[in-house]
All heavy atoms as atom14 arrays in JSON, in Angstrom:
{
  "sequence": "SAFVPYKRIELAIQAFNRNGKRLKLAGNGPELKRLHRIATSAQIEFL",
  "atom14_mask": [
    [1, 1, 1, 1, 1, 1, 0, 0, 0, 0, 0, 0, 0, 0],
    [1, 1, 1, 1, 1, 0, 0, 0, 0, 0, 0, 0, 0, 0],
    [1, 1, 1, 1, 1, 1, 1, 1, 1, 1, 1, 0, 0, 0],
    [1, 1, 1, 1, 1, 1, 1, 0, 0, 0, 0, 0, 0, 0],
    [1, 1, 1, 1, 1, 1, 1, 0, 0, 0, 0, 0, 0, 0],
    [1, 1, 1, 1, 1, 1, 1, 1, 1, 1, 1, 1, 0, 0],
    [1, 1, 1, 1, 1, 1, 1, 1, 1, 0, 0, 0, 0, 0],
    [1, 1, 1, 1, 1, 1, 1, 1, 1, 1, 1, 0, 0, 0],
    [1, 1, 1, 1, 1, 1, 1, 1, 0, 0, 0, 0, 0, 0],
    [1, 1, 1, 1, 1, 1, 1, 1, 1, 0, 0, 0, 0, 0],
    [1, 1, 1, 1, 1, 1, 1, 1, 0, 0, 0, 0, 0, 0],
    [1, 1, 1, 1, 1, 0, 0, 0, 0, 0, 0, 0, 0, 0],
    [1, 1, 1, 1, 1, 1, 1, 1, 0, 0, 0, 0, 0, 0],
    [1, 1, 1, 1, 1, 1, 1, 1, 1, 0, 0, 0, 0, 0],
    [1, 1, 1, 1, 1, 0, 0, 0, 0, 0, 0, 0, 0, 0],
    [1, 1, 1, 1, 1, 1, 1, 1, 1, 1, 1, 0, 0, 0],
    [1, 1, 1, 1, 1, 1, 1, 1, 0, 0, 0, 0, 0, 0],
    [1, 1, 1, 1, 1, 1, 1, 1, 1, 1, 1, 0, 0, 0],
    [1, 1, 1, 1, 1, 1, 1, 1, 0, 0, 0, 0, 0, 0],
    [1, 1, 1, 1, 0, 0, 0, 0, 0, 0, 0, 0, 0, 0],
    [1, 1, 1, 1, 1, 1, 1, 1, 1, 0, 0, 0, 0, 0],
    [1, 1, 1, 1, 1, 1, 1, 1, 1, 1, 1, 0, 0, 0],
    [1, 1, 1, 1, 1, 1, 1, 1, 0, 0, 0, 0, 0, 0],
    [1, 1, 1, 1, 1, 1, 1, 1, 1, 0, 0, 0, 0, 0],
    [1, 1, 1, 1, 1, 1, 1, 1, 0, 0, 0, 0, 0, 0],
    [1, 1, 1, 1, 1, 0, 0, 0, 0, 0, 0, 0, 0, 0],
    [1, 1, 1, 1, 0, 0, 0, 0, 0, 0, 0, 0, 0, 0],
    [1, 1, 1, 1, 1, 1, 1, 1, 0, 0, 0, 0, 0, 0],
    [1, 1, 1, 1, 0, 0, 0, 0, 0, 0, 0, 0, 0, 0],
    [1, 1, 1, 1, 1, 1, 1, 0, 0, 0, 0, 0, 0, 0],
    [1, 1, 1, 1, 1, 1, 1, 1, 1, 0, 0, 0, 0, 0],
    [1, 1, 1, 1, 1, 1, 1, 1, 0, 0, 0, 0, 0, 0],
    [1, 1, 1, 1, 1, 1, 1, 1, 1, 0, 0, 0, 0, 0],
    [1, 1, 1, 1, 1, 1, 1, 1, 1, 1, 1, 0, 0, 0],
    [1, 1, 1, 1, 1, 1, 1, 1, 0, 0, 0, 0, 0, 0],
    [1, 1, 1, 1, 1, 1, 1, 1, 1, 1, 0, 0, 0, 0],
    [1, 1, 1, 1, 1, 1, 1, 1, 1, 1, 1, 0, 0, 0],
    [1, 1, 1, 1, 1, 1, 1, 1, 0, 0, 0, 0, 0, 0],
    [1, 1, 1, 1, 1, 0, 0, 0, 0, 0, 0, 0, 0, 0],
    [1, 1, 1, 1, 1, 1, 1, 0, 0, 0, 0, 0, 0, 0],
    [1, 1, 1, 1, 1, 1, 0, 0, 0, 0, 0, 0, 0, 0],
    [1, 1, 1, 1, 1, 0, 0, 0, 0, 0, 0, 0, 0, 0],
    [1, 1, 1, 1, 1, 1, 1, 1, 1, 0, 0, 0, 0, 0],
    [1, 1, 1, 1, 1, 1, 1, 1, 0, 0, 0, 0, 0, 0],
    [1, 1, 1, 1, 1, 1, 1, 1, 1, 0, 0, 0, 0, 0],
    [1, 1, 1, 1, 1, 1, 1, 1, 1, 1, 1, 0, 0, 0],
    [1, 1, 1, 1, 1, 1, 1, 1, 0, 0, 0, 0, 0, 0]
  ],
  "atom14_positions": [
    [[317.17, 153.28, -0.89], [317.21, 152.35, 0.24], [318.63, 152.1, 0.7], [319.59, 152.24, -0.07], [316.57, 151.02, -0.18], [316.63, 150.08, 0.86], [0.0, 0.0, 0.0], [0.0, 0.0, 0.0], [0.0, 0.0, 0.0], [0.0, 0.0, 0.0], [0.0, 0.0, 0.0], [0.0, 0.0, 0.0], [0.0, 0.0, 0.0], [0.0, 0.0, 0.0]],
    [[318.75, 151.69, 1.96], [319.98, 151.04, 2.41], [319.98, 149.63, 1.81], [318.94, 148.99, 1.72], [320.02, 150.98, 3.93], [0.0, 0.0, 0.0], [0.0, 0.0, 0.0], [0.0, 0.0, 0.0], [0.0, 0.0, 0.0], [0.0, 0.0, 0.0], [0.0, 0.0, 0.0], [0.0, 0.0, 0.0], [0.0, 0.0, 0.0], [0.0, 0.0, 0.0]],
    [[321.14, 149.16, 1.42], [321.23, 147.84, 0.79], [321.54, 146.79, 1.87], [322.69, 146.4, 2.09], [322.3, 147.83, -0.3], [321.99, 148.75, -1.46], [323.0, 149.22, -2.28], [320.68, 149.14, -1.72], [322.72, 150.06, -3.34], [320.38, 149.99, -2.79], [321.4, 150.46, -3.59], [0.0, 0.0, 0.0], [0.0, 0.0, 0.0], [0.0, 0.0, 0.0]],
    [[320.49, 146.39, 2.57], [320.57, 145.36, 3.6], [319.51, 144.31, 3.3], [318.54, 144.58, 2.58], [320.37, 145.96, 5.02], [321.54, 146.87, 5.39], [319.06, 146.72, 5.1], [0.0, 0.0, 0.0], [0.0, 0.0, 0.0], [0.0, 0.0, 0.0], [0.0, 0.0, 0.0], [0.0, 0.0, 0.0], [0.0, 0.0, 0.0], [0.0, 0.0, 0.0]],
    [[319.66, 143.08, 3.84], [318.79, 141.96, 3.39], [317.3, 142.22, 3.5], [316.55, 141.91, 2.57], [319.24, 140.8, 4.29], [320.66, 141.1, 4.62], [320.73, 142.59, 4.74], [0.0, 0.0, 0.0], [0.0, 0.0, 0.0], [0.0, 0.0, 0.0], [0.0, 0.0, 0.0], [0.0, 0.0, 0.0], [0.0, 0.0, 0.0], [0.0, 0.0, 0.0]],
    [[316.84, 142.77, 4.63], [315.39, 142.83, 4.82], [314.71, 143.84, 3.9], [313.48, 143.83, 3.77], [315.05, 143.1, 6.29], [315.15, 144.54, 6.73], [314.04, 145.38, 6.7], [316.34, 145.07, 7.21], [314.11, 146.7, 7.13], [316.43, 146.38, 7.64], [315.3, 147.19, 7.59], [315.39, 148.49, 8.01], [0.0, 0.0, 0.0], [0.0, 0.0, 0.0]],
    [[315.48, 144.69, 3.22], [314.89, 145.65, 2.29], [314.42, 144.97, 1.0], [313.68, 145.57, 0.22], [315.9, 146.74, 1.95], [316.41, 147.53, 3.14], [315.41, 148.53, 3.64], [316.02, 149.44, 4.71], [315.09, 150.48, 5.18], [0.0, 0.0, 0.0], [0.0, 0.0, 0.0], [0.0, 0.0, 0.0], [0.0, 0.0, 0.0], [0.0, 0.0, 0.0]],
    [[314.91, 143.76, 0.73], [314.48, 142.95, -0.43], [314.69, 143.65, -1.77], [313.86, 143.56, -2.68], [313.01, 142.55, -0.28], [312.74, 141.63, 0.9], [311.28, 141.34, 1.06], [311.05, 140.3, 2.06], [309.84, 139.92, 2.47], [308.76, 140.48, 1.95], [309.69, 138.97, 3.37], [0.0, 0.0, 0.0], [0.0, 0.0, 0.0], [0.0, 0.0, 0.0]],
    [[315.79, 144.36, -1.89], [316.08, 145.09, -3.11], [316.25, 144.14, -4.3], [315.97, 144.48, -5.44], [317.34, 145.97, -2.94], [317.19, 146.87, -1.71], [317.58, 146.82, -4.18], [315.99, 147.76, -1.71], [0.0, 0.0, 0.0], [0.0, 0.0, 0.0], [0.0, 0.0, 0.0], [0.0, 0.0, 0.0], [0.0, 0.0, 0.0], [0.0, 0.0, 0.0]],
    [[316.71, 142.91, -4.01], [316.91, 141.95, -5.11], [315.61, 141.65, -5.85], [315.64, 141.33, -7.05], [317.55, 140.66, -4.58], [316.63, 139.76, -3.76], [316.53, 140.16, -2.3], [317.15, 141.18, -1.93], [315.84, 139.46, -1.55], [0.0, 0.0, 0.0], [0.0, 0.0, 0.0], [0.0, 0.0, 0.0], [0.0, 0.0, 0.0], [0.0, 0.0, 0.0]],
    [[314.46, 141.76, -5.17], [313.18, 141.52, -5.85], [312.94, 142.55, -6.95], [312.49, 142.22, -8.05], [312.03, 141.55, -4.85], [312.03, 140.48, -3.76], [310.83, 140.68, -2.83], [311.99, 139.09, -4.37], [0.0, 0.0, 0.0], [0.0, 0.0, 0.0], [0.0, 0.0, 0.0], [0.0, 0.0, 0.0], [0.0, 0.0, 0.0], [0.0, 0.0, 0.0]],
    [[313.23, 143.82, -6.64], [313.08, 144.87, -7.65], [314.05, 144.66, -8.81], [313.68, 144.81, -9.98], [313.3, 146.23, -7.01], [0.0, 0.0, 0.0], [0.0, 0.0, 0.0], [0.0, 0.0, 0.0], [0.0, 0.0, 0.0], [0.0, 0.0, 0.0], [0.0, 0.0, 0.0], [0.0, 0.0, 0.0], [0.0, 0.0, 0.0], [0.0, 0.0, 0.0]],
    [[315.29, 144.29, -8.48], [316.28, 144.07, -9.54], [315.86, 142.92, -10.44], [315.93, 143.01, -11.68], [317.67, 143.83, -8.92], [318.17, 145.12, -8.25], [318.66, 143.34, -9.97], [319.45, 144.95, -7.48], [0.0, 0.0, 0.0], [0.0, 0.0, 0.0], [0.0, 0.0, 0.0], [0.0, 0.0, 0.0], [0.0, 0.0, 0.0], [0.0, 0.0, 0.0]],
    [[315.42, 141.83, -9.85], [314.98, 140.67, -10.65], [313.79, 141.03, -11.52], [313.7, 140.59, -12.68], [314.65, 139.51, -9.72], [315.87, 138.89, -9.06], [315.51, 138.02, -7.86], [314.36, 137.95, -7.43], [316.51, 137.35, -7.29], [0.0, 0.0, 0.0], [0.0, 0.0, 0.0], [0.0, 0.0, 0.0], [0.0, 0.0, 0.0], [0.0, 0.0, 0.0]],
    [[312.87, 141.85, -11.0], [311.72, 142.28, -11.8], [312.17, 143.09, -13.01], [311.67, 142.89, -14.13], [310.76, 143.09, -10.93], [0.0, 0.0, 0.0], [0.0, 0.0, 0.0], [0.0, 0.0, 0.0], [0.0, 0.0, 0.0], [0.0, 0.0, 0.0], [0.0, 0.0, 0.0], [0.0, 0.0, 0.0], [0.0, 0.0, 0.0], [0.0, 0.0, 0.0]],
    [[313.12, 143.98, -12.8], [313.57, 144.84, -13.91], [314.54, 144.11, -14.83], [314.68, 144.51, -16.0], [314.14, 146.14, -13.36], [313.07, 147.13, -12.98], [312.38, 147.0, -11.77], [312.71, 148.16, -13.82], [311.37, 147.88, -11.42], [311.71, 149.06, -13.49], [311.03, 148.92, -12.28], [0.0, 0.0, 0.0], [0.0, 0.0, 0.0], [0.0, 0.0, 0.0]],
    [[315.2, 143.07, -14.35], [315.94, 142.2, -15.28], [315.0, 141.63, -16.33], [315.37, 141.47, -17.5], [316.59, 141.04, -14.52], [317.88, 141.43, -13.8], [318.51, 142.43, -14.13], [318.27, 140.63, -12.82], [0.0, 0.0, 0.0], [0.0, 0.0, 0.0], [0.0, 0.0, 0.0], [0.0, 0.0, 0.0], [0.0, 0.0, 0.0], [0.0, 0.0, 0.0]],
    [[313.77, 141.33, -15.92], [312.81, 140.67, -16.79], [312.02, 141.65, -17.65], [311.72, 141.35, -18.81], [311.84, 139.82, -15.96], [312.56, 138.73, -15.16], [311.59, 137.97, -14.26], [312.31, 137.1, -13.33], [311.74, 136.29, -12.46], [310.41, 136.22, -12.4], [312.47, 135.54, -11.65], [0.0, 0.0, 0.0], [0.0, 0.0, 0.0], [0.0, 0.0, 0.0]],
    [[311.66, 142.81, -17.08], [310.8, 143.71, -17.86], [311.57, 144.66, -18.77], [310.97, 145.3, -19.65], [309.84, 144.48, -16.94], [310.55, 145.46, -16.0], [311.56, 146.06, -16.33], [309.98, 145.64, -14.8], [0.0, 0.0, 0.0], [0.0, 0.0, 0.0], [0.0, 0.0, 0.0], [0.0, 0.0, 0.0], [0.0, 0.0, 0.0], [0.0, 0.0, 0.0]],
    [[312.87, 144.79, -18.57], [313.69, 145.61, -19.46], [313.51, 147.11, -19.3], [314.06, 147.89, -20.08], [0.0, 0.0, 0.0], [0.0, 0.0, 0.0], [0.0, 0.0, 0.0], [0.0, 0.0, 0.0], [0.0, 0.0, 0.0], [0.0, 0.0, 0.0], [0.0, 0.0, 0.0], [0.0, 0.0, 0.0], [0.0, 0.0, 0.0], [0.0, 0.0, 0.0]],
    [[312.77, 147.53, -18.29], [312.56, 148.97, -18.06], [313.73, 149.55, -17.28], [314.53, 148.83, -16.7], [311.24, 149.19, -17.31], [310.01, 148.67, -18.03], [308.76, 148.87, -17.2], [307.55, 148.19, -17.85], [307.18, 148.85, -19.12], [0.0, 0.0, 0.0], [0.0, 0.0, 0.0], [0.0, 0.0, 0.0], [0.0, 0.0, 0.0], [0.0, 0.0, 0.0]],
    [[313.81, 150.89, -17.26], [314.9, 151.58, -16.58], [314.65, 151.61, -15.08], [313.55, 151.95, -14.63], [315.06, 153.01, -17.09], [315.58, 153.13, -18.51], [315.71, 154.6, -18.89], [316.75, 155.25, -18.11], [316.85, 156.58, -18.0], [315.96, 157.38, -18.56], [317.84, 157.12, -17.28], [0.0, 0.0, 0.0], [0.0, 0.0, 0.0], [0.0, 0.0, 0.0]],
    [[315.67, 151.27, -14.31], [315.61, 151.33, -12.85], [316.88, 152.0, -12.34], [317.99, 151.6, -12.68], [315.5, 149.92, -12.26], [315.52, 149.84, -10.72], [314.28, 150.5, -10.14], [315.65, 148.4, -10.25], [0.0, 0.0, 0.0], [0.0, 0.0, 0.0], [0.0, 0.0, 0.0], [0.0, 0.0, 0.0], [0.0, 0.0, 0.0], [0.0, 0.0, 0.0]],
    [[316.69, 153.01, -11.49], [317.82, 153.66, -10.81], [317.74, 153.32, -9.33], [316.66, 153.39, -8.74], [317.78, 155.18, -11.01], [317.96, 155.6, -12.47], [318.05, 157.12, -12.59], [318.3, 157.53, -14.03], [318.53, 159.0, -14.17], [0.0, 0.0, 0.0], [0.0, 0.0, 0.0], [0.0, 0.0, 0.0], [0.0, 0.0, 0.0], [0.0, 0.0, 0.0]],
    [[318.89, 152.98, -8.76], [318.95, 152.64, -7.34], [319.88, 153.6, -6.63], [321.08, 153.68, -6.95], [319.44, 151.2, -7.13], [318.56, 150.1, -7.73], [319.18, 149.59, -9.03], [318.38, 148.95, -6.76], [0.0, 0.0, 0.0], [0.0, 0.0, 0.0], [0.0, 0.0, 0.0], [0.0, 0.0, 0.0], [0.0, 0.0, 0.0], [0.0, 0.0, 0.0]],
    [[319.35, 154.34, -5.65], [320.14, 155.27, -4.85], [320.32, 154.67, -3.46], [319.33, 154.37, -2.79], [319.46, 156.62, -4.78], [0.0, 0.0, 0.0], [0.0, 0.0, 0.0], [0.0, 0.0, 0.0], [0.0, 0.0, 0.0], [0.0, 0.0, 0.0], [0.0, 0.0, 0.0], [0.0, 0.0, 0.0], [0.0, 0.0, 0.0], [0.0, 0.0, 0.0]],
    [[321.56, 154.49, -3.06], [321.81, 153.94, -1.74], [323.11, 153.17, -1.7], [323.83, 153.06, -2.7], [0.0, 0.0, 0.0], [0.0, 0.0, 0.0], [0.0, 0.0, 0.0], [0.0, 0.0, 0.0], [0.0, 0.0, 0.0], [0.0, 0.0, 0.0], [0.0, 0.0, 0.0], [0.0, 0.0, 0.0], [0.0, 0.0, 0.0], [0.0, 0.0, 0.0]],
    [[323.39, 152.62, -0.53], [324.62, 151.87, -0.34], [324.4, 150.9, 0.81], [323.39, 150.95, 1.5], [325.78, 152.83, -0.02], [327.1, 152.31, -0.53], [327.3, 151.09, -0.63], [328.02, 153.21, -0.85], [0.0, 0.0, 0.0], [0.0, 0.0, 0.0], [0.0, 0.0, 0.0], [0.0, 0.0, 0.0], [0.0, 0.0, 0.0], [0.0, 0.0, 0.0]],
    [[325.37, 150.0, 1.02], [325.24, 149.07, 2.12], [325.94, 147.76, 1.84], [326.5, 147.55, 0.76], [0.0, 0.0, 0.0], [0.0, 0.0, 0.0], [0.0, 0.0, 0.0], [0.0, 0.0, 0.0], [0.0, 0.0, 0.0], [0.0, 0.0, 0.0], [0.0, 0.0, 0.0], [0.0, 0.0, 0.0], [0.0, 0.0, 0.0], [0.0, 0.0, 0.0]],
    [[325.92, 146.85, 2.81], [326.67, 145.6, 2.7], [326.2, 144.68, 1.57], [326.93, 143.78, 1.17], [326.47, 144.94, 4.08], [325.26, 145.59, 4.65], [325.24, 146.98, 4.12], [0.0, 0.0, 0.0], [0.0, 0.0, 0.0], [0.0, 0.0, 0.0], [0.0, 0.0, 0.0], [0.0, 0.0, 0.0], [0.0, 0.0, 0.0], [0.0, 0.0, 0.0]],
    [[324.99, 144.87, 1.06], [324.46, 144.02, -0.01], [324.85, 144.51, -1.4], [324.47, 143.9, -2.4], [322.93, 143.97, 0.08], [322.4, 143.21, 1.26], [322.33, 141.72, 1.0], [321.39, 141.29, 0.31], [323.23, 141.01, 1.46], [0.0, 0.0, 0.0], [0.0, 0.0, 0.0], [0.0, 0.0, 0.0], [0.0, 0.0, 0.0], [0.0, 0.0, 0.0]],
    [[325.6, 145.61, -1.49], [325.85, 146.25, -2.79], [326.48, 145.3, -3.8], [326.01, 145.19, -4.94], [326.74, 147.48, -2.6], [327.12, 148.23, -3.89], [325.88, 148.72, -4.61], [328.06, 149.39, -3.57], [0.0, 0.0, 0.0], [0.0, 0.0, 0.0], [0.0, 0.0, 0.0], [0.0, 0.0, 0.0], [0.0, 0.0, 0.0], [0.0, 0.0, 0.0]],
    [[327.54, 144.59, -3.42], [328.22, 143.71, -4.37], [327.31, 142.6, -4.85], [327.28, 142.26, -6.04], [329.49, 143.13, -3.74], [330.6, 144.14, -3.53], [331.85, 143.48, -2.97], [332.97, 144.51, -2.8], [334.2, 143.89, -2.22], [0.0, 0.0, 0.0], [0.0, 0.0, 0.0], [0.0, 0.0, 0.0], [0.0, 0.0, 0.0], [0.0, 0.0, 0.0]],
    [[326.54, 142.03, -3.94], [325.63, 140.96, -4.32], [324.55, 141.47, -5.28], [324.22, 140.8, -6.27], [324.97, 140.35, -3.08], [324.11, 139.12, -3.37], [323.54, 138.53, -2.09], [322.43, 139.3, -1.57], [321.17, 139.12, -1.95], [320.85, 138.19, -2.84], [320.2, 139.85, -1.42], [0.0, 0.0, 0.0], [0.0, 0.0, 0.0], [0.0, 0.0, 0.0]],
    [[324.03, 142.66, -5.0], [323.0, 143.22, -5.87], [323.55, 143.55, -7.25], [322.87, 143.37, -8.26], [322.4, 144.47, -5.22], [321.66, 144.22, -3.9], [321.21, 145.54, -3.29], [320.47, 143.29, -4.1], [0.0, 0.0, 0.0], [0.0, 0.0, 0.0], [0.0, 0.0, 0.0], [0.0, 0.0, 0.0], [0.0, 0.0, 0.0], [0.0, 0.0, 0.0]],
    [[324.81, 144.0, -7.3], [325.45, 144.23, -8.6], [325.5, 142.95, -9.42], [325.27, 142.96, -10.63], [326.87, 144.78, -8.4], [326.97, 146.27, -8.51], [326.76, 146.95, -9.68], [327.25, 147.22, -7.57], [326.92, 148.25, -9.49], [327.21, 148.44, -8.21], [0.0, 0.0, 0.0], [0.0, 0.0, 0.0], [0.0, 0.0, 0.0], [0.0, 0.0, 0.0]],
    [[325.82, 141.85, -8.76], [325.9, 140.57, -9.47], [324.53, 140.13, -10.0], [324.44, 139.51, -11.07], [326.49, 139.49, -8.56], [327.97, 139.69, -8.23], [328.58, 138.42, -7.64], [327.94, 138.04, -6.38], [328.35, 138.44, -5.18], [329.4, 139.26, -5.09], [327.74, 138.05, -4.09], [0.0, 0.0, 0.0], [0.0, 0.0, 0.0], [0.0, 0.0, 0.0]],
    [[323.49, 140.44, -9.24], [322.15, 140.04, -9.65], [321.67, 140.84, -10.86], [320.94, 140.33, -11.71], [321.17, 140.2, -8.47], [321.51, 139.22, -7.35], [319.71, 139.99, -8.91], [320.72, 139.44, -6.07], [0.0, 0.0, 0.0], [0.0, 0.0, 0.0], [0.0, 0.0, 0.0], [0.0, 0.0, 0.0], [0.0, 0.0, 0.0], [0.0, 0.0, 0.0]],
    [[322.08, 142.11, -10.93], [321.58, 143.02, -11.97], [322.22, 142.68, -13.32], [323.37, 143.02, -13.58], [321.87, 144.46, -11.59], [0.0, 0.0, 0.0], [0.0, 0.0, 0.0], [0.0, 0.0, 0.0], [0.0, 0.0, 0.0], [0.0, 0.0, 0.0], [0.0, 0.0, 0.0], [0.0, 0.0, 0.0], [0.0, 0.0, 0.0], [0.0, 0.0, 0.0]],
    [[321.47, 142.03, -14.18], [321.97, 141.63, -15.5], [321.5, 142.54, -16.61], [322.03, 142.5, -17.72], [321.55, 140.19, -15.81], [320.12, 140.09, -15.76], [322.15, 139.21, -14.82], [0.0, 0.0, 0.0], [0.0, 0.0, 0.0], [0.0, 0.0, 0.0], [0.0, 0.0, 0.0], [0.0, 0.0, 0.0], [0.0, 0.0, 0.0], [0.0, 0.0, 0.0]],
    [[320.5, 143.37, -16.35], [319.97, 144.28, -17.37], [320.81, 145.54, -17.45], [321.17, 146.13, -16.42], [318.52, 144.64, -17.06], [318.07, 145.68, -17.91], [0.0, 0.0, 0.0], [0.0, 0.0, 0.0], [0.0, 0.0, 0.0], [0.0, 0.0, 0.0], [0.0, 0.0, 0.0], [0.0, 0.0, 0.0], [0.0, 0.0, 0.0], [0.0, 0.0, 0.0]],
    [[321.1, 145.98, -18.68], [321.85, 147.22, -18.88], [321.03, 148.44, -18.5], [321.57, 149.55, -18.39], [322.29, 147.33, -20.34], [0.0, 0.0, 0.0], [0.0, 0.0, 0.0], [0.0, 0.0, 0.0], [0.0, 0.0, 0.0], [0.0, 0.0, 0.0], [0.0, 0.0, 0.0], [0.0, 0.0, 0.0], [0.0, 0.0, 0.0], [0.0, 0.0, 0.0]],
    [[319.73, 148.25, -18.25], [318.84, 149.36, -17.9], [318.82, 149.64, -16.4], [318.12, 150.55, -15.96], [317.41, 149.04, -18.37], [317.25, 148.95, -19.88], [317.34, 150.32, -20.52], [318.42, 150.86, -20.72], [316.2, 150.9, -20.83], [0.0, 0.0, 0.0], [0.0, 0.0, 0.0], [0.0, 0.0, 0.0], [0.0, 0.0, 0.0], [0.0, 0.0, 0.0]],
    [[319.58, 148.85, -15.65], [319.63, 149.04, -14.19], [320.9, 149.81, -13.83], [322.01, 149.4, -14.19], [319.59, 147.68, -13.47], [318.27, 146.96, -13.76], [319.78, 147.87, -11.97], [318.18, 145.58, -13.18], [0.0, 0.0, 0.0], [0.0, 0.0, 0.0], [0.0, 0.0, 0.0], [0.0, 0.0, 0.0], [0.0, 0.0, 0.0], [0.0, 0.0, 0.0]],
    [[320.73, 150.9, -13.1], [321.85, 151.81, -12.79], [321.96, 152.02, -11.29], [321.0, 152.4, -10.63], [321.62, 153.16, -13.49], [322.73, 154.16, -13.26], [322.44, 155.51, -13.91], [321.35, 155.68, -14.49], [323.31, 156.39, -13.83], [0.0, 0.0, 0.0], [0.0, 0.0, 0.0], [0.0, 0.0, 0.0], [0.0, 0.0, 0.0], [0.0, 0.0, 0.0]],
    [[323.15, 151.77, -10.74], [323.42, 152.01, -9.32], [324.05, 153.4, -9.18], [325.08, 153.69, -9.78], [324.37, 150.96, -8.77], [323.74, 149.59, -8.61], [323.69, 148.71, -9.68], [323.18, 149.21, -7.41], [323.12, 147.45, -9.54], [322.6, 147.96, -7.25], [322.57, 147.08, -8.32], [0.0, 0.0, 0.0], [0.0, 0.0, 0.0], [0.0, 0.0, 0.0]],
    [[323.44, 154.25, -8.37], [323.89, 155.63, -8.23], [324.76, 155.86, -7.0], [325.38, 156.91, -6.87], [322.68, 156.57, -8.16], [321.68, 156.48, -9.32], [320.48, 157.38, -9.04], [322.34, 156.84, -10.64], [0.0, 0.0, 0.0], [0.0, 0.0, 0.0], [0.0, 0.0, 0.0], [0.0, 0.0, 0.0], [0.0, 0.0, 0.0], [0.0, 0.0, 0.0]]
  ]
}
């Protein structure tokens, strides 16, 4: 995805923060820094 607000990428990140499963995110955009801050699980990888 493009990392813009209406894509709601933070919902996926918050879900995977809780479930501990592996998540890979391919994309870029103005929300990137904010999404990095939200991602607290070591299983979440920004590509």
